[in-house]
Amino acid sequence: MQLIQHSFKIILVISILLISVLSIQDISVESSANLSDKLLHFFCFLYLTIVTWLSRIFSKEFLLYVIVLAYGILIEIVQIYIPYRSFEFLDIFADLLGVLAGSFFIKFFKDLYPKY
């Protein structure tokens, strides 16, 4: 079990680094409210929520959800200061939906595998 948790911790660190780098890259999008952009936010934060939970860094799930969402908000705040990026509340909303979907997945997983 320890090996699995350590593996997920490594995956989590790599994922956070990759998402952080990609969030400050110059992108060419015709519309800032592009549906695929919001889906990308949703799936990234669904993924981050699940990987963070699997890594067992936080003992309380609510704290996990708050920190993952705070990371999304921090990314948006940083984007205010990047000339070719912008702060969008819809991105934060898509992040929140991803975290909520992740919490439902975690509940489902815990019902299937209560010993994890």
Protein backbone atom coordinates (compact mmCIF):
# COMPACT_ATOMS: atom_id res chain seq x y z
CA MET A 1 0.00 0.00 0.00
CA GLN A 2 2.87 2.37 0.84
CA LEU A 3 4.40 1.91 -2.59
CA ILE A 4 1.10 2.84 -4.25
CA GLN A 5 0.76 5.98 -2.13
CA HIS A 6 4.36 7.04 -2.82
CA SER A 7 3.79 6.47 -6.53
CA PHE A 8 0.71 8.68 -6.45
CA LYS A 9 2.66 11.37 -4.58
CA ILE A 10 5.21 11.42 -7.40
CA ILE A 11 2.43 11.51 -9.99
CA LEU A 12 0.81 14.39 -8.08
CA VAL A 13 4.00 16.46 -8.00
CA ILE A 14 4.60 15.92 -11.71
CA SER A 15 0.95 16.77 -12.46
CA ILE A 16 1.03 20.00 -10.45
CA LEU A 17 4.25 21.07 -12.14
CA LEU A 18 2.86 20.29 -15.59
CA ILE A 19 -0.46 22.05 -14.96
CA SER A 20 1.35 25.06 -13.48
CA VAL A 21 3.62 25.40 -16.52
CA LEU A 22 0.75 24.94 -18.97
CA SER A 23 -1.37 27.51 -17.13
CA ILE A 24 1.12 30.29 -17.89
CA GLN A 25 1.77 29.37 -21.52
CA ASP A 26 0.56 31.56 -24.36
CA ILE A 27 -2.50 30.01 -25.96
CA SER A 28 -4.42 31.03 -29.04
CA VAL A 29 -8.12 30.76 -28.34
CA GLU A 30 -10.72 32.70 -30.30
CA SER A 31 -13.12 32.93 -27.37
CA SER A 32 -12.23 33.06 -23.70
CA ALA A 33 -15.49 31.23 -22.92
CA ASN A 34 -14.51 28.34 -25.17
CA LEU A 35 -16.29 25.14 -24.12
CA SER A 36 -13.21 22.97 -24.62
CA ASP A 37 -11.25 25.26 -22.26
CA LYS A 38 -13.87 24.79 -19.54
CA LEU A 39 -13.91 21.02 -20.12
CA LEU A 40 -10.13 21.01 -19.81
CA HIS A 41 -10.42 22.82 -16.45
CA PHE A 42 -13.11 20.36 -15.33
CA PHE A 43 -11.10 17.25 -16.20
CA CYS A 44 -7.81 18.62 -14.85
CA PHE A 45 -9.37 19.30 -11.46
CA LEU A 46 -11.29 16.03 -11.46
CA TYR A 47 -7.93 14.33 -12.07
CA LEU A 48 -6.08 16.43 -9.46
CA THR A 49 -8.71 15.72 -6.83
CA ILE A 50 -8.53 11.97 -7.39
CA VAL A 51 -4.72 11.80 -7.55
CA THR A 52 -4.40 13.98 -4.44
CA TRP A 53 -6.78 11.70 -2.56
CA LEU A 54 -4.98 8.55 -3.77
CA SER A 55 -1.65 9.98 -2.61
CA ARG A 56 -3.06 10.29 0.92
CA ILE A 57 -1.35 13.62 1.62
CA PHE A 58 -4.35 14.96 3.54
CA SER A 59 -6.23 12.98 6.16
CA LYS A 60 -9.41 15.07 5.87
CA GLU A 61 -11.21 15.02 2.53
CA PHE A 62 -12.74 18.47 2.97
CA LEU A 63 -9.25 19.95 3.38
CA LEU A 64 -8.18 18.16 0.20
CA TYR A 65 -11.08 19.71 -1.74
CA VAL A 66 -10.37 23.19 -0.38
CA ILE A 67 -6.67 23.02 -1.22
CA VAL A 68 -7.20 21.68 -4.74
CA LEU A 69 -9.75 24.43 -5.42
CA ALA A 70 -7.45 27.04 -3.85
CA TYR A 71 -4.76 25.91 -6.31
CA GLY A 72 -7.18 26.61 -9.17
CA ILE A 73 -7.97 30.06 -7.78
CA LEU A 74 -4.26 30.76 -7.37
CA ILE A 75 -3.66 29.88 -11.02
CA GLU A 76 -6.36 32.35 -12.05
CA ILE A 77 -4.89 35.08 -9.84
CA VAL A 78 -1.43 34.53 -11.34
CA GLN A 79 -2.94 34.80 -14.81
CA ILE A 80 -4.04 38.38 -14.03
CA TYR A 81 -0.37 39.39 -14.18
CA ILE A 82 0.45 37.53 -17.40
CA PRO A 83 -0.22 39.75 -20.44
CA TYR A 84 -1.50 37.01 -22.73
CA ARG A 85 -3.66 35.28 -20.08
CA SER A 86 -6.69 36.46 -18.13
CA PHE A 87 -8.62 35.79 -14.93
CA GLU A 88 -11.98 34.10 -15.54
CA PHE A 89 -14.62 33.21 -12.97
CA LEU A 90 -15.96 30.54 -15.34
CA ASP A 91 -12.60 28.76 -15.10
CA ILE A 92 -12.89 28.70 -11.30
CA PHE A 93 -16.46 27.41 -11.64
CA ALA A 94 -15.24 24.63 -13.99
CA ASP A 95 -12.48 23.83 -11.45
CA LEU A 96 -15.10 23.63 -8.69
CA LEU A 97 -17.25 21.27 -10.75
CA GLY A 98 -14.18 19.09 -11.35
CA VAL A 99 -13.45 18.96 -7.61
CA LEU A 100 -17.09 18.08 -6.88
CA ALA A 101 -17.06 15.34 -9.52
CA GLY A 102 -13.82 14.06 -7.98
CA SER A 103 -15.48 13.95 -4.56
CA PHE A 104 -18.30 11.80 -5.98
CA PHE A 105 -15.77 9.48 -7.59
CA ILE A 106 -13.90 9.20 -4.28
CA LYS A 107 -17.13 8.33 -2.45
CA PHE A 108 -17.91 5.67 -5.06
CA PHE A 109 -14.35 4.29 -4.83
CA LYS A 110 -14.48 4.17 -1.03
CA ASP A 111 -17.73 2.20 -1.21
CA LEU A 112 -16.07 -0.34 -3.53
CA TYR A 113 -12.74 -0.51 -1.67
CA PRO A 114 -13.32 0.54 1.96
CA LYS A 115 -9.83 -0.56 3.07
CA TYR A 116 -7.96 1.93 0.88
